[in-house]
Amino acid sequence: MSAEENKAKVRAFYEKAVNKGDLTAVDELVGFTEIAHYSGGAVGQNTPESVKKWVADLRAAFPNIRVTVEDLISEGDKAVNRVTYRGTHTGEWNDPVWGRILPTGKQIAWSAIAINRFAGGKSVEAWDLMDDSGFWRQLGVLPAPR
């Protein structure tokens, strides 16, 4: 796959899957098993089904969610993106760390950077860094800094 094809798959994930709920874009991007490196050093494994569930849960908690791709750079087998998520928290959000967060009605925006490594036309490894503290502060789970 070319760098441009990898970029197209990443862009389609945000524009089709997250923004519009078209989960077929997940199948085009995520490999059968994708090693996932998360904020804070945790390592896990994504599958197309686990990513579809995350997108569905995100869209349920933030029905008007919109992701803007701010930067998208690809070279060799890697694509790097910087995005901004914006949405209104009108649905329940279930988080493995914080638990069940009832709708707050708050409009929030948060940023994220991800690097995807491709093999065989799919992302087989991803490094995700999200503004976790900003996200939780805007929802009122964490206090604002002094």
C-alpha atoms as a PDB file:
ATOM      1  CA  MET A   1       0.000   0.000   0.000  1.00  0.00           C
ATOM      2  CA  SER A   2       1.167   3.499  -0.753  1.00  0.00           C
ATOM      3  CA  ALA A   3       1.434   6.301   1.774  1.00  0.00           C
ATOM      4  CA  GLU A   4      -1.507   8.011   0.057  1.00  0.00           C
ATOM      5  CA  GLU A   5      -3.659   4.872   0.358  1.00  0.00           C
ATOM      6  CA  ASN A   6      -2.816   4.619   4.070  1.00  0.00           C
ATOM      7  CA  LYS A   7      -3.753   8.283   4.568  1.00  0.00           C
ATOM      8  CA  ALA A   8      -7.050   7.720   2.749  1.00  0.00           C
ATOM      9  CA  LYS A   9      -7.942   4.855   5.101  1.00  0.00           C
ATOM     10  CA  VAL A  10      -7.179   6.928   8.186  1.00  0.00           C
ATOM     11  CA  ARG A  11      -9.186   9.892   6.872  1.00  0.00           C
ATOM     12  CA  ALA A  12     -12.113   7.611   5.976  1.00  0.00           C
ATOM     13  CA  PHE A  13     -12.109   6.212   9.513  1.00  0.00           C
ATOM     14  CA  TYR A  14     -12.708   9.653  10.992  1.00  0.00           C
ATOM     15  CA  GLU A  15     -14.995  11.028   8.289  1.00  0.00           C
ATOM     16  CA  LYS A  16     -17.095   7.918   7.672  1.00  0.00           C
ATOM     17  CA  ALA A  17     -16.967   5.866  10.873  1.00  0.00           C
ATOM     18  CA  VAL A  18     -16.751   8.495  13.617  1.00  0.00           C
ATOM     19  CA  ASN A  19     -18.539  11.406  11.943  1.00  0.00           C
ATOM     20  CA  LYS A  20     -21.226   9.441  10.087  1.00  0.00           C
ATOM     21  CA  GLY A  21     -21.442   6.062  11.815  1.00  0.00           C
ATOM     22  CA  ASP A  22     -20.455   4.085   8.689  1.00  0.00           C
ATOM     23  CA  LEU A  23     -18.551   1.288  10.407  1.00  0.00           C
ATOM     24  CA  THR A  24     -17.380  -0.297   7.151  1.00  0.00           C
ATOM     25  CA  ALA A  25     -14.500   2.202   7.301  1.00  0.00           C
ATOM     26  CA  VAL A  26     -13.266   0.358  10.406  1.00  0.00           C
ATOM     27  CA  ASP A  27     -12.980  -2.880   8.412  1.00  0.00           C
ATOM     28  CA  GLU A  28     -10.938  -1.048   5.787  1.00  0.00           C
ATOM     29  CA  LEU A  29      -8.481   0.327   8.372  1.00  0.00           C
ATOM     30  CA  VAL A  30      -8.037  -2.067  11.281  1.00  0.00           C
ATOM     31  CA  GLY A  31      -6.277  -5.391  10.888  1.00  0.00           C
ATOM     32  CA  PHE A  32      -7.643  -8.597  12.437  1.00  0.00           C
ATOM     33  CA  THR A  33      -5.434  -7.960  15.458  1.00  0.00           C
ATOM     34  CA  GLU A  34      -3.900  -4.544  15.957  1.00  0.00           C
ATOM     35  CA  ILE A  35      -1.441  -3.927  18.786  1.00  0.00           C
ATOM     36  CA  ALA A  36      -2.627  -0.785  20.562  1.00  0.00           C
ATOM     37  CA  HIS A  37      -0.370   1.477  22.634  1.00  0.00           C
ATOM     38  CA  TYR A  38      -2.507   3.838  24.720  1.00  0.00           C
ATOM     39  CA  SER A  39      -1.922   7.027  26.711  1.00  0.00           C
ATOM     40  CA  GLY A  40      -0.215   6.230  29.975  1.00  0.00           C
ATOM     41  CA  GLY A  41       1.742   3.279  28.611  1.00  0.00           C
ATOM     42  CA  ALA A  42      -0.970   0.619  28.513  1.00  0.00           C
ATOM     43  CA  VAL A  43      -0.752  -1.887  25.685  1.00  0.00           C
ATOM     44  CA  GLY A  44      -3.743  -3.773  24.374  1.00  0.00           C
ATOM     45  CA  GLN A  45      -5.170  -5.322  21.284  1.00  0.00           C
ATOM     46  CA  ASN A  46      -7.773  -3.938  18.924  1.00  0.00           C
ATOM     47  CA  THR A  47      -9.899  -5.898  16.519  1.00  0.00           C
ATOM     48  CA  PRO A  48     -12.301  -4.463  13.967  1.00  0.00           C
ATOM     49  CA  GLU A  49     -15.162  -5.412  16.311  1.00  0.00           C
ATOM     50  CA  SER A  50     -13.638  -3.721  19.376  1.00  0.00           C
ATOM     51  CA  VAL A  51     -13.006  -0.527  17.398  1.00  0.00           C
ATOM     52  CA  LYS A  52     -16.578  -0.605  16.036  1.00  0.00           C
ATOM     53  CA  LYS A  53     -17.871  -0.894  19.613  1.00  0.00           C
ATOM     54  CA  TRP A  54     -15.720   2.080  20.690  1.00  0.00           C
ATOM     55  CA  VAL A  55     -17.037   4.182  17.787  1.00  0.00           C
ATOM     56  CA  ALA A  56     -20.650   3.163  18.528  1.00  0.00           C
ATOM     57  CA  ASP A  57     -20.218   3.955  22.239  1.00  0.00           C
ATOM     58  CA  LEU A  58     -18.600   7.314  21.415  1.00  0.00           C
ATOM     59  CA  ARG A  59     -21.431   8.209  19.017  1.00  0.00           C
ATOM     60  CA  ALA A  60     -24.037   7.161  21.612  1.00  0.00           C
ATOM     61  CA  ALA A  61     -22.467   9.389  24.283  1.00  0.00           C
ATOM     62  CA  PHE A  62     -21.802  12.265  21.852  1.00  0.00           C
ATOM     63  CA  PRO A  63     -24.451  11.929  19.114  1.00  0.00           C
ATOM     64  CA  ASN A  64     -23.310  15.101  17.341  1.00  0.00           C
ATOM     65  CA  ILE A  65     -19.622  14.100  17.445  1.00  0.00           C
ATOM     66  CA  ARG A  66     -17.436  15.588  14.734  1.00  0.00           C
ATOM     67  CA  VAL A  67     -13.768  14.922  14.187  1.00  0.00           C
ATOM     68  CA  THR A  68     -11.630  17.353  12.260  1.00  0.00           C
ATOM     69  CA  VAL A  69      -8.415  15.988  10.808  1.00  0.00           C
ATOM     70  CA  GLU A  70      -5.931  18.762  11.531  1.00  0.00           C
ATOM     71  CA  ASP A  71      -2.817  17.021  10.179  1.00  0.00           C
ATOM     72  CA  LEU A  72      -2.291  13.745   8.319  1.00  0.00           C
ATOM     73  CA  ILE A  73       1.227  12.727   7.337  1.00  0.00           C
ATOM     74  CA  SER A  74       2.330   9.400   5.906  1.00  0.00           C
ATOM     75  CA  GLU A  75       5.699   7.973   5.053  1.00  0.00           C
ATOM     76  CA  GLY A  76       6.663   4.370   4.482  1.00  0.00           C
ATOM     77  CA  ASP A  77       4.436   2.057   6.491  1.00  0.00           C
ATOM     78  CA  LYS A  78       3.250   4.699   9.000  1.00  0.00           C
ATOM     79  CA  ALA A  79       0.556   7.366   8.998  1.00  0.00           C
ATOM     80  CA  VAL A  80       0.414  10.070  11.688  1.00  0.00           C
ATOM     81  CA  ASN A  81      -2.691  12.089  12.380  1.00  0.00           C
ATOM     82  CA  ARG A  82      -3.652  14.915  14.713  1.00  0.00           C
ATOM     83  CA  VAL A  83      -7.361  15.375  15.179  1.00  0.00           C
ATOM     84  CA  THR A  84      -9.840  17.411  17.187  1.00  0.00           C
ATOM     85  CA  TYR A  85     -13.035  15.822  18.493  1.00  0.00           C
ATOM     86  CA  ARG A  86     -16.031  18.058  19.245  1.00  0.00           C
ATOM     87  CA  GLY A  87     -19.386  17.001  20.603  1.00  0.00           C
ATOM     88  CA  THR A  88     -22.115  17.403  23.184  1.00  0.00           C
ATOM     89  CA  HIS A  89     -22.288  14.822  25.955  1.00  0.00           C
ATOM     90  CA  THR A  90     -25.974  13.896  25.806  1.00  0.00           C
ATOM     91  CA  GLY A  91     -25.640  10.130  26.178  1.00  0.00           C
ATOM     92  CA  GLU A  92     -24.178   7.842  28.821  1.00  0.00           C
ATOM     93  CA  TRP A  93     -20.440   7.160  28.633  1.00  0.00           C
ATOM     94  CA  ASN A  94     -19.022   3.988  30.177  1.00  0.00           C
ATOM     95  CA  ASP A  95     -15.314   4.120  30.872  1.00  0.00           C
ATOM     96  CA  PRO A  96     -13.237   1.243  32.235  1.00  0.00           C
ATOM     97  CA  VAL A  97     -11.434   3.583  34.657  1.00  0.00           C
ATOM     98  CA  TRP A  98     -14.067   6.177  35.642  1.00  0.00           C
ATOM     99  CA  GLY A  99     -17.154   4.015  35.301  1.00  0.00           C
ATOM    100  CA  ARG A 100     -20.564   5.201  34.178  1.00  0.00           C
ATOM    101  CA  ILE A 101     -20.757   8.924  33.355  1.00  0.00           C
ATOM    102  CA  LEU A 102     -24.317  10.167  33.023  1.00  0.00           C
ATOM    103  CA  PRO A 103     -25.015  12.800  30.342  1.00  0.00           C
ATOM    104  CA  THR A 104     -23.789  16.252  31.324  1.00  0.00           C
ATOM    105  CA  GLY A 105     -25.093  18.240  28.355  1.00  0.00           C
ATOM    106  CA  LYS A 106     -21.654  19.828  28.080  1.00  0.00           C
ATOM    107  CA  GLN A 107     -20.124  20.732  24.737  1.00  0.00           C
ATOM    108  CA  ILE A 108     -16.526  19.632  24.784  1.00  0.00           C
ATOM    109  CA  ALA A 109     -13.520  19.520  22.485  1.00  0.00           C
ATOM    110  CA  TRP A 110     -10.387  17.430  22.856  1.00  0.00           C
ATOM    111  CA  SER A 111      -7.398  16.561  20.752  1.00  0.00           C
ATOM    112  CA  ALA A 112      -5.632  13.327  19.909  1.00  0.00           C
ATOM    113  CA  ILE A 113      -2.613  12.161  17.970  1.00  0.00           C
ATOM    114  CA  ALA A 114      -2.284   8.664  16.544  1.00  0.00           C
ATOM    115  CA  ILE A 115       0.343   6.776  14.609  1.00  0.00           C
ATOM    116  CA  ASN A 116      -0.738   3.739  12.615  1.00  0.00           C
ATOM    117  CA  ARG A 117       1.693   1.173  11.236  1.00  0.00           C
ATOM    118  CA  PHE A 118       0.401  -0.642   8.180  1.00  0.00           C
ATOM    119  CA  ALA A 119       1.091  -4.129   6.827  1.00  0.00           C
ATOM    120  CA  GLY A 120      -0.916  -5.854   4.147  1.00  0.00           C
ATOM    121  CA  GLY A 121      -3.126  -2.800   3.674  1.00  0.00           C
ATOM    122  CA  LYS A 122      -4.340  -2.684   7.302  1.00  0.00           C
ATOM    123  CA  SER A 123      -3.268  -0.999  10.504  1.00  0.00           C
ATOM    124  CA  VAL A 124      -1.487  -3.650  12.560  1.00  0.00           C
ATOM    125  CA  GLU A 125      -0.126  -1.375  15.285  1.00  0.00           C
ATOM    126  CA  ALA A 126      -1.327   1.954  16.663  1.00  0.00           C
ATOM    127  CA  TRP A 127      -0.004   4.484  19.152  1.00  0.00           C
ATOM    128  CA  ASP A 128      -2.781   6.726  20.510  1.00  0.00           C
ATOM    129  CA  LEU A 129      -2.278   9.815  22.635  1.00  0.00           C
ATOM    130  CA  MET A 130      -5.458  11.615  23.664  1.00  0.00           C
ATOM    131  CA  ASP A 131      -5.895  14.689  25.837  1.00  0.00           C
ATOM    132  CA  ASP A 132      -7.355  12.516  28.606  1.00  0.00           C
ATOM    133  CA  SER A 133      -7.127  15.124  31.358  1.00  0.00           C
ATOM    134  CA  GLY A 134      -8.761  17.794  29.186  1.00  0.00           C
ATOM    135  CA  PHE A 135     -11.535  15.375  28.243  1.00  0.00           C
ATOM    136  CA  TRP A 136     -12.273  14.449  31.878  1.00  0.00           C
ATOM    137  CA  ARG A 137     -12.002  18.041  33.122  1.00  0.00           C
ATOM    138  CA  GLN A 138     -14.531  19.225  30.548  1.00  0.00           C
ATOM    139  CA  LEU A 139     -16.936  16.478  31.634  1.00  0.00           C
ATOM    140  CA  GLY A 140     -16.455  17.526  35.262  1.00  0.00           C
ATOM    141  CA  VAL A 141     -14.853  14.256  36.399  1.00  0.00           C
ATOM    142  CA  LEU A 142     -11.496  15.902  37.183  1.00  0.00           C
ATOM    143  CA  PRO A 143     -11.118  19.317  38.811  1.00  0.00           C
ATOM    144  CA  ALA A 144      -9.674  22.176  36.815  1.00  0.00           C
ATOM    145  CA  PRO A 145      -6.017  22.911  37.576  1.00  0.00           C
ATOM    146  CA  ARG A 146      -5.224  25.820  39.901  1.00  0.00           C
END
